[in-house]
Amino acid sequence: MIIRDDYTCPLELTHDITRGKWKPIILWLLGKEPLSLSQLEHSIKKITQKMLLEQLKELISFGIISKQTFDGYPLKVEYCLTDRGRELLQAITIMQKVGIELMLENGMNDVLKANGFAE
């Protein structure tokens, strides 16, 4: 993704960077700990490896996450949040809280419990 020359406001740019089904989830997971590609793929239901790699590449290009490669065999790669990514995580945490509240209001306790968000 390329930063355009015409934005209504800075929020529109931030939205462009984080929009989509997967990016907020990727950021949420990396907010807990650095993860490998396979760990991310395993943690996100229904995402393909191709889509995950595309989303990671975009987030890296904007400095939201970083990729660290470790020497050795087999090759180990981890993704983690940058300082800017941790700032965005604050907004995503608020969105997560609102989502939990809405799910509770709509009787989705079982879904929350199955995914580790409720007892």
PDB file of N, CA and C in Angstrom:
ATOM      1  N   MET A   1       0.832  -1.182   0.000  1.00  0.00           N
ATOM      2  CA  MET A   1       0.000   0.000   0.000  1.00  0.00           C
ATOM      3  C   MET A   1       0.876   1.245   0.000  1.00  0.00           C
ATOM      4  N   ILE A   2       0.471   2.241  -0.721  1.00  0.00           N
ATOM      5  CA  ILE A   2       1.208   3.489  -0.833  1.00  0.00           C
ATOM      6  C   ILE A   2       0.428   4.588  -0.134  1.00  0.00           C
ATOM      7  N   ILE A   3       1.146   5.465   0.552  1.00  0.00           N
ATOM      8  CA  ILE A   3       0.493   6.616   1.171  1.00  0.00           C
ATOM      9  C   ILE A   3       0.092   7.568   0.051  1.00  0.00           C
ATOM     10  N   ARG A   4      -1.185   7.916   0.039  1.00  0.00           N
ATOM     11  CA  ARG A   4      -1.722   8.809  -0.988  1.00  0.00           C
ATOM     12  C   ARG A   4      -1.392  10.268  -0.664  1.00  0.00           C
ATOM     13  N   ASP A   5      -1.644  11.131  -1.612  1.00  0.00           N
ATOM     14  CA  ASP A   5      -1.439  12.571  -1.417  1.00  0.00           C
ATOM     15  C   ASP A   5      -2.678  13.272  -0.885  1.00  0.00           C
ATOM     16  N   ASP A   6      -3.838  12.605  -0.963  1.00  0.00           N
ATOM     17  CA  ASP A   6      -5.087  13.271  -0.601  1.00  0.00           C
ATOM     18  C   ASP A   6      -5.838  12.495   0.479  1.00  0.00           C
ATOM     19  N   TYR A   7      -5.773  12.984   1.694  1.00  0.00           N
ATOM     20  CA  TYR A   7      -6.506  12.400   2.810  1.00  0.00           C
ATOM     21  C   TYR A   7      -7.417  13.457   3.410  1.00  0.00           C
ATOM     22  N   THR A   8      -8.584  13.032   3.837  1.00  0.00           N
ATOM     23  CA  THR A   8      -9.509  13.939   4.507  1.00  0.00           C
ATOM     24  C   THR A   8      -8.942  14.365   5.854  1.00  0.00           C
ATOM     25  N   CYS A   9      -8.343  13.389   6.564  1.00  0.00           N
ATOM     26  CA  CYS A   9      -7.747  13.667   7.861  1.00  0.00           C
ATOM     27  C   CYS A   9      -6.745  12.562   8.181  1.00  0.00           C
ATOM     28  N   PRO A  10      -5.910  12.728   9.205  1.00  0.00           N
ATOM     29  CA  PRO A  10      -4.927  11.713   9.566  1.00  0.00           C
ATOM     30  C   PRO A  10      -5.550  10.362   9.923  1.00  0.00           C
ATOM     31  N   LEU A  11      -6.765  10.373  10.439  1.00  0.00           N
ATOM     32  CA  LEU A  11      -7.438   9.114  10.768  1.00  0.00           C
ATOM     33  C   LEU A  11      -7.625   8.252   9.527  1.00  0.00           C
ATOM     34  N   GLU A  12      -7.868   8.878   8.397  1.00  0.00           N
ATOM     35  CA  GLU A  12      -8.046   8.125   7.153  1.00  0.00           C
ATOM     36  C   GLU A  12      -6.769   7.365   6.792  1.00  0.00           C
ATOM     37  N   LEU A  13      -5.615   7.973   7.005  1.00  0.00           N
ATOM     38  CA  LEU A  13      -4.343   7.295   6.755  1.00  0.00           C
ATOM     39  C   LEU A  13      -4.172   6.113   7.708  1.00  0.00           C
ATOM     40  N   THR A  14      -4.438   6.331   8.981  1.00  0.00           N
ATOM     41  CA  THR A  14      -4.336   5.250   9.963  1.00  0.00           C
ATOM     42  C   THR A  14      -5.302   4.126   9.620  1.00  0.00           C
ATOM     43  N   HIS A  15      -6.490   4.476   9.195  1.00  0.00           N
ATOM     44  CA  HIS A  15      -7.470   3.472   8.786  1.00  0.00           C
ATOM     45  C   HIS A  15      -6.957   2.678   7.595  1.00  0.00           C
ATOM     46  N   ASP A  16      -6.357   3.347   6.617  1.00  0.00           N
ATOM     47  CA  ASP A  16      -5.804   2.642   5.462  1.00  0.00           C
ATOM     48  C   ASP A  16      -4.748   1.622   5.889  1.00  0.00           C
ATOM     49  N   ILE A  17      -3.937   2.000   6.853  1.00  0.00           N
ATOM     50  CA  ILE A  17      -2.858   1.118   7.313  1.00  0.00           C
ATOM     51  C   ILE A  17      -3.410  -0.094   8.048  1.00  0.00           C
ATOM     52  N   THR A  18      -4.455   0.086   8.841  1.00  0.00           N
ATOM     53  CA  THR A  18      -4.944  -0.995   9.712  1.00  0.00           C
ATOM     54  C   THR A  18      -6.214  -1.677   9.221  1.00  0.00           C
ATOM     55  N   ARG A  19      -6.761  -1.199   8.094  1.00  0.00           N
ATOM     56  CA  ARG A  19      -8.042  -1.753   7.653  1.00  0.00           C
ATOM     57  C   ARG A  19      -7.880  -3.186   7.161  1.00  0.00           C
ATOM     58  N   GLY A  20      -9.014  -3.849   7.168  1.00  0.00           N
ATOM     59  CA  GLY A  20      -9.047  -5.225   6.713  1.00  0.00           C
ATOM     60  C   GLY A  20      -9.442  -6.150   7.846  1.00  0.00           C
ATOM     61  N   LYS A  21      -9.729  -7.344   7.482  1.00  0.00           N
ATOM     62  CA  LYS A  21     -10.197  -8.342   8.431  1.00  0.00           C
ATOM     63  C   LYS A  21      -9.090  -8.808   9.369  1.00  0.00           C
ATOM     64  N   TRP A  22      -7.861  -8.854   8.869  1.00  0.00           N
ATOM     65  CA  TRP A  22      -6.805  -9.549   9.601  1.00  0.00           C
ATOM     66  C   TRP A  22      -5.846  -8.655  10.381  1.00  0.00           C
ATOM     67  N   LYS A  23      -5.593  -7.447   9.928  1.00  0.00           N
ATOM     68  CA  LYS A  23      -4.557  -6.625  10.559  1.00  0.00           C
ATOM     69  C   LYS A  23      -4.805  -6.350  12.039  1.00  0.00           C
ATOM     70  N   PRO A  24      -6.011  -5.959  12.449  1.00  0.00           N
ATOM     71  CA  PRO A  24      -6.207  -5.758  13.890  1.00  0.00           C
ATOM     72  C   PRO A  24      -5.971  -7.042  14.704  1.00  0.00           C
ATOM     73  N   ILE A  25      -6.331  -8.175  14.144  1.00  0.00           N
ATOM     74  CA  ILE A  25      -6.119  -9.445  14.847  1.00  0.00           C
ATOM     75  C   ILE A  25      -4.621  -9.748  14.950  1.00  0.00           C
ATOM     76  N   ILE A  26      -3.898  -9.511  13.873  1.00  0.00           N
ATOM     77  CA  ILE A  26      -2.445  -9.712  13.886  1.00  0.00           C
ATOM     78  C   ILE A  26      -1.810  -8.822  14.957  1.00  0.00           C
ATOM     79  N   LEU A  27      -2.210  -7.552  14.985  1.00  0.00           N
ATOM     80  CA  LEU A  27      -1.661  -6.629  15.980  1.00  0.00           C
ATOM     81  C   LEU A  27      -2.016  -7.062  17.399  1.00  0.00           C
ATOM     82  N   TRP A  28      -3.235  -7.519  17.591  1.00  0.00           N
ATOM     83  CA  TRP A  28      -3.666  -7.988  18.917  1.00  0.00           C
ATOM     84  C   TRP A  28      -2.795  -9.153  19.383  1.00  0.00           C
ATOM     85  N   LEU A  29      -2.575 -10.110  18.501  1.00  0.00           N
ATOM     86  CA  LEU A  29      -1.767 -11.281  18.861  1.00  0.00           C
ATOM     87  C   LEU A  29      -0.309 -10.901  19.129  1.00  0.00           C
ATOM     88  N   LEU A  30       0.247 -10.032  18.300  1.00  0.00           N
ATOM     89  CA  LEU A  30       1.635  -9.625  18.506  1.00  0.00           C
ATOM     90  C   LEU A  30       1.787  -8.723  19.728  1.00  0.00           C
ATOM     91  N   GLY A  31       0.692  -8.138  20.185  1.00  0.00           N
ATOM     92  CA  GLY A  31       0.728  -7.349  21.419  1.00  0.00           C
ATOM     93  C   GLY A  31       0.965  -8.213  22.642  1.00  0.00           C
ATOM     94  N   LYS A  32       0.660  -9.487  22.538  1.00  0.00           N
ATOM     95  CA  LYS A  32       0.880 -10.411  23.651  1.00  0.00           C
ATOM     96  C   LYS A  32       2.325 -10.867  23.718  1.00  0.00           C
ATOM     97  N   GLU A  33       2.910 -11.154  22.536  1.00  0.00           N
ATOM     98  CA  GLU A  33       4.291 -11.643  22.475  1.00  0.00           C
ATOM     99  C   GLU A  33       4.725 -11.738  21.014  1.00  0.00           C
ATOM    100  N   PRO A  34       6.029 -11.710  20.767  1.00  0.00           N
ATOM    101  CA  PRO A  34       6.510 -11.942  19.406  1.00  0.00           C
ATOM    102  C   PRO A  34       6.127 -13.350  18.954  1.00  0.00           C
ATOM    103  N   LEU A  35       5.757 -13.490  17.682  1.00  0.00           N
ATOM    104  CA  LEU A  35       5.315 -14.784  17.168  1.00  0.00           C
ATOM    105  C   LEU A  35       5.945 -15.071  15.813  1.00  0.00           C
ATOM    106  N   SER A  36       6.089 -16.346  15.519  1.00  0.00           N
ATOM    107  CA  SER A  36       6.567 -16.776  14.207  1.00  0.00           C
ATOM    108  C   SER A  36       5.396 -16.795  13.229  1.00  0.00           C
ATOM    109  N   LEU A  37       5.717 -16.952  11.959  1.00  0.00           N
ATOM    110  CA  LEU A  37       4.692 -17.041  10.937  1.00  0.00           C
ATOM    111  C   LEU A  37       3.750 -18.205  11.219  1.00  0.00           C
ATOM    112  N   SER A  38       4.311 -19.357  11.553  1.00  0.00           N
ATOM    113  CA  SER A  38       3.461 -20.531  11.803  1.00  0.00           C
ATOM    114  C   SER A  38       2.601 -20.342  13.051  1.00  0.00           C
ATOM    115  N   GLN A  39       3.108 -19.670  14.073  1.00  0.00           N
ATOM    116  CA  GLN A  39       2.304 -19.404  15.263  1.00  0.00           C
ATOM    117  C   GLN A  39       1.148 -18.466  14.935  1.00  0.00           C
ATOM    118  N   LEU A  40       1.422 -17.439  14.137  1.00  0.00           N
ATOM    119  CA  LEU A  40       0.356 -16.526  13.729  1.00  0.00           C
ATOM    120  C   LEU A  40      -0.686 -17.254  12.897  1.00  0.00           C
ATOM    121  N   GLU A  41      -0.222 -18.043  11.942  1.00  0.00           N
ATOM    122  CA  GLU A  41      -1.139 -18.770  11.065  1.00  0.00           C
ATOM    123  C   GLU A  41      -2.020 -19.724  11.865  1.00  0.00           C
ATOM    124  N   HIS A  42      -1.435 -20.367  12.851  1.00  0.00           N
ATOM    125  CA  HIS A  42      -2.195 -21.305  13.693  1.00  0.00           C
ATOM    126  C   HIS A  42      -3.209 -20.575  14.583  1.00  0.00           C
ATOM    127  N   SER A  43      -2.879 -19.360  14.995  1.00  0.00           N
ATOM    128  CA  SER A  43      -3.722 -18.611  15.926  1.00  0.00           C
ATOM    129  C   SER A  43      -4.896 -17.900  15.259  1.00  0.00           C
ATOM    130  N   ILE A  44      -4.819 -17.687  13.945  1.00  0.00           N
ATOM    131  CA  ILE A  44      -5.861 -16.935  13.245  1.00  0.00           C
ATOM    132  C   ILE A  44      -6.667 -17.894  12.385  1.00  0.00           C
ATOM    133  N   LYS A  45      -7.888 -18.117  12.787  1.00  0.00           N
ATOM    134  CA  LYS A  45      -8.752 -19.044  12.059  1.00  0.00           C
ATOM    135  C   LYS A  45      -9.031 -18.540  10.646  1.00  0.00           C
ATOM    136  N   LYS A  46      -8.934 -19.424   9.693  1.00  0.00           N
ATOM    137  CA  LYS A  46      -9.317 -19.203   8.297  1.00  0.00           C
ATOM    138  C   LYS A  46      -8.422 -18.257   7.517  1.00  0.00           C
ATOM    139  N   ILE A  47      -7.262 -17.865   8.033  1.00  0.00           N
ATOM    140  CA  ILE A  47      -6.360 -17.034   7.243  1.00  0.00           C
ATOM    141  C   ILE A  47      -5.436 -17.958   6.449  1.00  0.00           C
ATOM    142  N   THR A  48      -5.174 -17.601   5.208  1.00  0.00           N
ATOM    143  CA  THR A  48      -4.227 -18.379   4.409  1.00  0.00           C
ATOM    144  C   THR A  48      -2.824 -17.819   4.633  1.00  0.00           C
ATOM    145  N   GLN A  49      -1.835 -18.639   4.379  1.00  0.00           N
ATOM    146  CA  GLN A  49      -0.458 -18.177   4.547  1.00  0.00           C
ATOM    147  C   GLN A  49      -0.157 -17.009   3.600  1.00  0.00           C
ATOM    148  N   LYS A  50      -0.679 -17.084   2.388  1.00  0.00           N
ATOM    149  CA  LYS A  50      -0.469 -16.010   1.416  1.00  0.00           C
ATOM    150  C   LYS A  50      -1.032 -14.689   1.942  1.00  0.00           C
ATOM    151  N   MET A  51      -2.253 -14.720   2.458  1.00  0.00           N
ATOM    152  CA  MET A  51      -2.883 -13.512   2.986  1.00  0.00           C
ATOM    153  C   MET A  51      -2.114 -12.993   4.201  1.00  0.00           C
ATOM    154  N   LEU A  52      -1.703 -13.900   5.076  1.00  0.00           N
ATOM    155  CA  LEU A  52      -0.951 -13.507   6.263  1.00  0.00           C
ATOM    156  C   LEU A  52       0.350 -12.816   5.858  1.00  0.00           C
ATOM    157  N   LEU A  53       1.057 -13.383   4.912  1.00  0.00           N
ATOM    158  CA  LEU A  53       2.309 -12.778   4.455  1.00  0.00           C
ATOM    159  C   LEU A  53       2.080 -11.397   3.842  1.00  0.00           C
ATOM    160  N   GLU A  54       1.006 -11.228   3.090  1.00  0.00           N
ATOM    161  CA  GLU A  54       0.679  -9.917   2.512  1.00  0.00           C
ATOM    162  C   GLU A  54       0.413  -8.888   3.604  1.00  0.00           C
ATOM    163  N   GLN A  55      -0.374  -9.292   4.614  1.00  0.00           N
ATOM    164  CA  GLN A  55      -0.717  -8.375   5.703  1.00  0.00           C
ATOM    165  C   GLN A  55       0.535  -8.003   6.507  1.00  0.00           C
ATOM    166  N   LEU A  56       1.386  -8.984   6.778  1.00  0.00           N
ATOM    167  CA  LEU A  56       2.626  -8.725   7.520  1.00  0.00           C
ATOM    168  C   LEU A  56       3.526  -7.773   6.741  1.00  0.00           C
ATOM    169  N   LYS A  57       3.631  -7.987   5.447  1.00  0.00           N
ATOM    170  CA  LYS A  57       4.467  -7.134   4.597  1.00  0.00           C
ATOM    171  C   LYS A  57       3.991  -5.681   4.653  1.00  0.00           C
ATOM    172  N   GLU A  58       2.679  -5.472   4.575  1.00  0.00           N
ATOM    173  CA  GLU A  58       2.145  -4.108   4.645  1.00  0.00           C
ATOM    174  C   GLU A  58       2.412  -3.473   6.003  1.00  0.00           C
ATOM    175  N   LEU A  59       2.189  -4.234   7.071  1.00  0.00           N
ATOM    176  CA  LEU A  59       2.423  -3.697   8.415  1.00  0.00           C
ATOM    177  C   LEU A  59       3.894  -3.368   8.636  1.00  0.00           C
ATOM    178  N   ILE A  60       4.778  -4.176   8.076  1.00  0.00           N
ATOM    179  CA  ILE A  60       6.217  -3.903   8.166  1.00  0.00           C
ATOM    180  C   ILE A  60       6.555  -2.632   7.394  1.00  0.00           C
ATOM    181  N   SER A  61       5.981  -2.477   6.202  1.00  0.00           N
ATOM    182  CA  SER A  61       6.305  -1.313   5.365  1.00  0.00           C
ATOM    183  C   SER A  61       5.926   0.009   6.033  1.00  0.00           C
ATOM    184  N   PHE A  62       4.949  -0.007   6.921  1.00  0.00           N
ATOM    185  CA  PHE A  62       4.539   1.204   7.634  1.00  0.00           C
ATOM    186  C   PHE A  62       5.173   1.325   9.019  1.00  0.00           C
ATOM    187  N   GLY A  63       6.047   0.391   9.357  1.00  0.00           N
ATOM    188  CA  GLY A  63       6.732   0.474  10.643  1.00  0.00           C
ATOM    189  C   GLY A  63       5.860   0.111  11.830  1.00  0.00           C
ATOM    190  N   ILE A  64       4.814  -0.666  11.591  1.00  0.00           N
ATOM    191  CA  ILE A  64       3.906  -1.063  12.665  1.00  0.00           C
ATOM    192  C   ILE A  64       4.416  -2.322  13.356  1.00  0.00           C
ATOM    193  N   ILE A  65       4.997  -3.212  12.581  1.00  0.00           N
ATOM    194  CA  ILE A  65       5.626  -4.408  13.140  1.00  0.00           C
ATOM    195  C   ILE A  65       7.025  -4.538  12.542  1.00  0.00           C
ATOM    196  N   SER A  66       7.843  -5.364  13.172  1.00  0.00           N
ATOM    197  CA  SER A  66       9.168  -5.647  12.640  1.00  0.00           C
ATOM    198  C   SER A  66       9.355  -7.151  12.546  1.00  0.00           C
ATOM    199  N   LYS A  67      10.287  -7.534  11.716  1.00  0.00           N
ATOM    200  CA  LYS A  67      10.589  -8.939  11.475  1.00  0.00           C
ATOM    201  C   LYS A  67      12.036  -9.171  11.882  1.00  0.00           C
ATOM    202  N   GLN A  68      12.235 -10.153  12.746  1.00  0.00           N
ATOM    203  CA  GLN A  68      13.585 -10.462  13.204  1.00  0.00           C
ATOM    204  C   GLN A  68      13.934 -11.886  12.791  1.00  0.00           C
ATOM    205  N   THR A  69      15.088 -12.040  12.163  1.00  0.00           N
ATOM    206  CA  THR A  69      15.557 -13.342  11.718  1.00  0.00           C
ATOM    207  C   THR A  69      16.705 -13.776  12.614  1.00  0.00           C
ATOM    208  N   PHE A  70      16.637 -15.011  13.089  1.00  0.00           N
ATOM    209  CA  PHE A  70      17.664 -15.566  13.957  1.00  0.00           C
ATOM    210  C   PHE A  70      18.502 -16.575  13.177  1.00  0.00           C
ATOM    211  N   ASP A  71      19.808 -16.553  13.400  1.00  0.00           N
ATOM    212  CA  ASP A  71      20.696 -17.511  12.744  1.00  0.00           C
ATOM    213  C   ASP A  71      20.427 -18.918  13.255  1.00  0.00           C
ATOM    214  N   GLY A  72      20.819 -19.876  12.457  1.00  0.00           N
ATOM    215  CA  GLY A  72      20.690 -21.271  12.874  1.00  0.00           C
ATOM    216  C   GLY A  72      19.837 -22.062  11.908  1.00  0.00           C
ATOM    217  N   TYR A  73      19.760 -23.322  12.206  1.00  0.00           N
ATOM    218  CA  TYR A  73      18.937 -24.218  11.392  1.00  0.00           C
ATOM    219  C   TYR A  73      18.016 -24.981  12.306  1.00  0.00           C
ATOM    220  N   PRO A  74      16.747 -25.022  12.079  1.00  0.00           N
ATOM    221  CA  PRO A  74      16.076 -24.311  10.987  1.00  0.00           C
ATOM    222  C   PRO A  74      16.031 -22.810  11.257  1.00  0.00           C
ATOM    223  N   LEU A  75      15.891 -22.060  10.181  1.00  0.00           N
ATOM    224  CA  LEU A  75      15.817 -20.616  10.265  1.00  0.00           C
ATOM    225  C   LEU A  75      14.621 -20.219  11.129  1.00  0.00           C
ATOM    226  N   LYS A  76      14.840 -19.276  12.034  1.00  0.00           N
ATOM    227  CA  LYS A  76      13.754 -18.815  12.900  1.00  0.00           C
ATOM    228  C   LYS A  76      13.472 -17.344  12.618  1.00  0.00           C
ATOM    229  N   VAL A  77      12.206 -17.023  12.400  1.00  0.00           N
ATOM    230  CA  VAL A  77      11.772 -15.652  12.130  1.00  0.00           C
ATOM    231  C   VAL A  77      10.645 -15.322  13.101  1.00  0.00           C
ATOM    232  N   GLU A  78      10.729 -14.146  13.708  1.00  0.00           N
ATOM    233  CA  GLU A  78       9.663 -13.686  14.598  1.00  0.00           C
ATOM    234  C   GLU A  78       9.210 -12.297  14.182  1.00  0.00           C
ATOM    235  N   TYR A  79       7.935 -12.052  14.414  1.00  0.00           N
ATOM    236  CA  TYR A  79       7.343 -10.748  14.167  1.00  0.00           C
ATOM    237  C   TYR A  79       6.963 -10.147  15.512  1.00  0.00           C
ATOM    238  N   CYS A  80       7.170  -8.841  15.664  1.00  0.00           N
ATOM    239  CA  CYS A  80       6.792  -8.169  16.912  1.00  0.00           C
ATOM    240  C   CYS A  80       6.374  -6.736  16.615  1.00  0.00           C
ATOM    241  N   LEU A  81       5.698  -6.134  17.573  1.00  0.00           N
ATOM    242  CA  LEU A  81       5.245  -4.753  17.428  1.00  0.00           C
ATOM    243  C   LEU A  81       6.412  -3.789  17.586  1.00  0.00           C
ATOM    244  N   THR A  82       6.380  -2.713  16.830  1.00  0.00           N
ATOM    245  CA  THR A  82       7.311  -1.607  17.022  1.00  0.00           C
ATOM    246  C   THR A  82       6.668  -0.643  18.033  1.00  0.00           C
ATOM    247  N   ASP A  83       7.352   0.439  18.332  1.00  0.00           N
ATOM    248  CA  ASP A  83       6.758   1.441  19.228  1.00  0.00           C
ATOM    249  C   ASP A  83       5.448   1.974  18.647  1.00  0.00           C
ATOM    250  N   ARG A  84       5.444   2.227  17.345  1.00  0.00           N
ATOM    251  CA  ARG A  84       4.216   2.708  16.691  1.00  0.00           C
ATOM    252  C   ARG A  84       3.124   1.641  16.763  1.00  0.00           C
ATOM    253  N   GLY A  85       3.508   0.399  16.615  1.00  0.00           N
ATOM    254  CA  GLY A  85       2.547  -0.703  16.717  1.00  0.00           C
ATOM    255  C   GLY A  85       1.944  -0.797  18.104  1.00  0.00           C
ATOM    256  N   ARG A  86       2.768  -0.548  19.137  1.00  0.00           N
ATOM    257  CA  ARG A  86       2.240  -0.569  20.509  1.00  0.00           C
ATOM    258  C   ARG A  86       1.261   0.575  20.735  1.00  0.00           C
ATOM    259  N   GLU A  87       1.492   1.707  20.069  1.00  0.00           N
ATOM    260  CA  GLU A  87       0.536   2.811  20.158  1.00  0.00           C
ATOM    261  C   GLU A  87      -0.808   2.404  19.548  1.00  0.00           C
ATOM    262  N   LEU A  88      -0.763   1.785  18.376  1.00  0.00           N
ATOM    263  CA  LEU A  88      -1.997   1.325  17.731  1.00  0.00           C
ATOM    264  C   LEU A  88      -2.694   0.260  18.563  1.00  0.00           C
ATOM    265  N   LEU A  89      -1.925  -0.544  19.266  1.00  0.00           N
ATOM    266  CA  LEU A  89      -2.508  -1.594  20.094  1.00  0.00           C
ATOM    267  C   LEU A  89      -3.444  -1.017  21.151  1.00  0.00           C
ATOM    268  N   GLN A  90      -3.157   0.182  21.631  1.00  0.00           N
ATOM    269  CA  GLN A  90      -4.045   0.817  22.610  1.00  0.00           C
ATOM    270  C   GLN A  90      -5.447   0.992  22.026  1.00  0.00           C
ATOM    271  N   ALA A  91      -5.528   1.441  20.782  1.00  0.00           N
ATOM    272  CA  ALA A  91      -6.830   1.609  20.132  1.00  0.00           C
ATOM    273  C   ALA A  91      -7.494   0.260  19.897  1.00  0.00           C
ATOM    274  N   ILE A  92      -6.723  -0.718  19.505  1.00  0.00           N
ATOM    275  CA  ILE A  92      -7.268  -2.052  19.239  1.00  0.00           C
ATOM    276  C   ILE A  92      -7.762  -2.692  20.531  1.00  0.00           C
ATOM    277  N   THR A  93      -7.086  -2.423  21.634  1.00  0.00           N
ATOM    278  CA  THR A  93      -7.527  -2.945  22.929  1.00  0.00           C
ATOM    279  C   THR A  93      -8.899  -2.374  23.292  1.00  0.00           C
ATOM    280  N   ILE A  94      -9.113  -1.113  23.016  1.00  0.00           N
ATOM    281  CA  ILE A  94     -10.428  -0.507  23.264  1.00  0.00           C
ATOM    282  C   ILE A  94     -11.475  -1.157  22.368  1.00  0.00           C
ATOM    283  N   MET A  95     -11.148  -1.381  21.107  1.00  0.00           N
ATOM    284  CA  MET A  95     -12.074  -2.035  20.184  1.00  0.00           C
ATOM    285  C   MET A  95     -12.404  -3.446  20.672  1.00  0.00           C
ATOM    286  N   GLN A  96     -11.389  -4.156  21.179  1.00  0.00           N
ATOM    287  CA  GLN A  96     -11.595  -5.507  21.708  1.00  0.00           C
ATOM    288  C   GLN A  96     -12.569  -5.468  22.893  1.00  0.00           C
ATOM    289  N   LYS A  97     -12.382  -4.501  23.779  1.00  0.00           N
ATOM    290  CA  LYS A  97     -13.253  -4.365  24.955  1.00  0.00           C
ATOM    291  C   LYS A  97     -14.707  -4.131  24.532  1.00  0.00           C
ATOM    292  N   VAL A  98     -14.909  -3.251  23.564  1.00  0.00           N
ATOM    293  CA  VAL A  98     -16.258  -2.984  23.072  1.00  0.00           C
ATOM    294  C   VAL A  98     -16.851  -4.249  22.452  1.00  0.00           C
ATOM    295  N   GLY A  99     -16.046  -4.993  21.702  1.00  0.00           N
ATOM    296  CA  GLY A  99     -16.510  -6.245  21.108  1.00  0.00           C
ATOM    297  C   GLY A  99     -16.933  -7.256  22.152  1.00  0.00           C
ATOM    298  N   ILE A 100     -16.170  -7.363  23.239  1.00  0.00           N
ATOM    299  CA  ILE A 100     -16.518  -8.285  24.326  1.00  0.00           C
ATOM    300  C   ILE A 100     -17.846  -7.868  24.951  1.00  0.00           C
ATOM    301  N   GLU A 101     -18.007  -6.573  25.210  1.00  0.00           N
ATOM    302  CA  GLU A 101     -19.255  -6.086  25.793  1.00  0.00           C
ATOM    303  C   GLU A 101     -20.453  -6.400  24.901  1.00  0.00           C
ATOM    304  N   LEU A 102     -20.301  -6.163  23.596  1.00  0.00           N
ATOM    305  CA  LEU A 102     -21.393  -6.438  22.658  1.00  0.00           C
ATOM    306  C   LEU A 102     -21.714  -7.937  22.598  1.00  0.00           C
ATOM    307  N   MET A 103     -20.694  -8.769  22.630  1.00  0.00           N
ATOM    308  CA  MET A 103     -20.922 -10.221  22.602  1.00  0.00           C
ATOM    309  C   MET A 103     -21.645 -10.674  23.866  1.00  0.00           C
ATOM    310  N   LEU A 104     -21.259 -10.123  25.008  1.00  0.00           N
ATOM    311  CA  LEU A 104     -21.937 -10.471  26.257  1.00  0.00           C
ATOM    312  C   LEU A 104     -23.400 -10.035  26.215  1.00  0.00           C
ATOM    313  N   GLU A 105     -23.655  -8.818  25.713  1.00  0.00           N
ATOM    314  CA  GLU A 105     -25.025  -8.319  25.606  1.00  0.00           C
ATOM    315  C   GLU A 105     -25.882  -9.171  24.678  1.00  0.00           C
ATOM    316  N   ASN A 106     -25.244  -9.826  23.727  1.00  0.00           N
ATOM    317  CA  ASN A 106     -25.969 -10.633  22.747  1.00  0.00           C
ATOM    318  C   ASN A 106     -25.895 -12.125  23.041  1.00  0.00           C
ATOM    319  N   GLY A 107     -25.583 -12.468  24.297  1.00  0.00           N
ATOM    320  CA  GLY A 107     -25.611 -13.864  24.725  1.00  0.00           C
ATOM    321  C   GLY A 107     -24.554 -14.752  24.080  1.00  0.00           C
ATOM    322  N   MET A 108     -23.432 -14.190  23.731  1.00  0.00           N
ATOM    323  CA  MET A 108     -22.385 -14.966  23.074  1.00  0.00           C
ATOM    324  C   MET A 108     -21.290 -15.398  24.054  1.00  0.00           C
ATOM    325  N   ASN A 109     -21.709 -15.674  25.272  1.00  0.00           N
ATOM    326  CA  ASN A 109     -20.769 -16.066  26.326  1.00  0.00           C
ATOM    327  C   ASN A 109     -19.979 -17.308  25.936  1.00  0.00           C
ATOM    328  N   ASP A 110     -20.636 -18.269  25.276  1.00  0.00           N
ATOM    329  CA  ASP A 110     -19.962 -19.511  24.883  1.00  0.00           C
ATOM    330  C   ASP A 110     -18.832 -19.240  23.898  1.00  0.00           C
ATOM    331  N   VAL A 111     -19.046 -18.317  22.979  1.00  0.00           N
ATOM    332  CA  VAL A 111     -18.013 -17.969  22.006  1.00  0.00           C
ATOM    333  C   VAL A 111     -16.824 -17.338  22.715  1.00  0.00           C
ATOM    334  N   LEU A 112     -17.115 -16.418  23.636  1.00  0.00           N
ATOM    335  CA  LEU A 112     -16.046 -15.786  24.402  1.00  0.00           C
ATOM    336  C   LEU A 112     -15.272 -16.816  25.222  1.00  0.00           C
ATOM    337  N   LYS A 113     -16.006 -17.700  25.857  1.00  0.00           N
ATOM    338  CA  LYS A 113     -15.361 -18.718  26.684  1.00  0.00           C
ATOM    339  C   LYS A 113     -14.502 -19.664  25.839  1.00  0.00           C
ATOM    340  N   ALA A 114     -15.012 -20.070  24.682  1.00  0.00           N
ATOM    341  CA  ALA A 114     -14.280 -20.985  23.806  1.00  0.00           C
ATOM    342  C   ALA A 114     -12.976 -20.362  23.283  1.00  0.00           C
ATOM    343  N   ASN A 115     -12.953 -19.038  23.228  1.00  0.00           N
ATOM    344  CA  ASN A 115     -11.765 -18.351  22.734  1.00  0.00           C
ATOM    345  C   ASN A 115     -10.928 -17.711  23.836  1.00  0.00           C
ATOM    346  N   GLY A 116     -11.211 -18.082  25.073  1.00  0.00           N
ATOM    347  CA  GLY A 116     -10.386 -17.633  26.191  1.00  0.00           C
ATOM    348  C   GLY A 116     -10.630 -16.226  26.689  1.00  0.00           C
ATOM    349  N   PHE A 117     -11.817 -15.670  26.424  1.00  0.00           N
ATOM    350  CA  PHE A 117     -12.107 -14.310  26.869  1.00  0.00           C
ATOM    351  C   PHE A 117     -13.073 -14.251  28.040  1.00  0.00           C
ATOM    352  N   ALA A 118     -13.515 -15.380  28.516  1.00  0.00           N
ATOM    353  CA  ALA A 118     -14.436 -15.393  29.658  1.00  0.00           C
ATOM    354  C   ALA A 118     -14.246 -16.710  30.402  1.00  0.00           C
ATOM    355  N   GLU A 119     -14.659 -16.692  31.637  1.00  0.00           N
ATOM    356  CA  GLU A 119     -14.551 -17.918  32.461  1.00  0.00           C
ATOM    357  C   GLU A 119     -15.808 -18.740  32.383  1.00  0.00           C
TER     358      GLU A 119
END
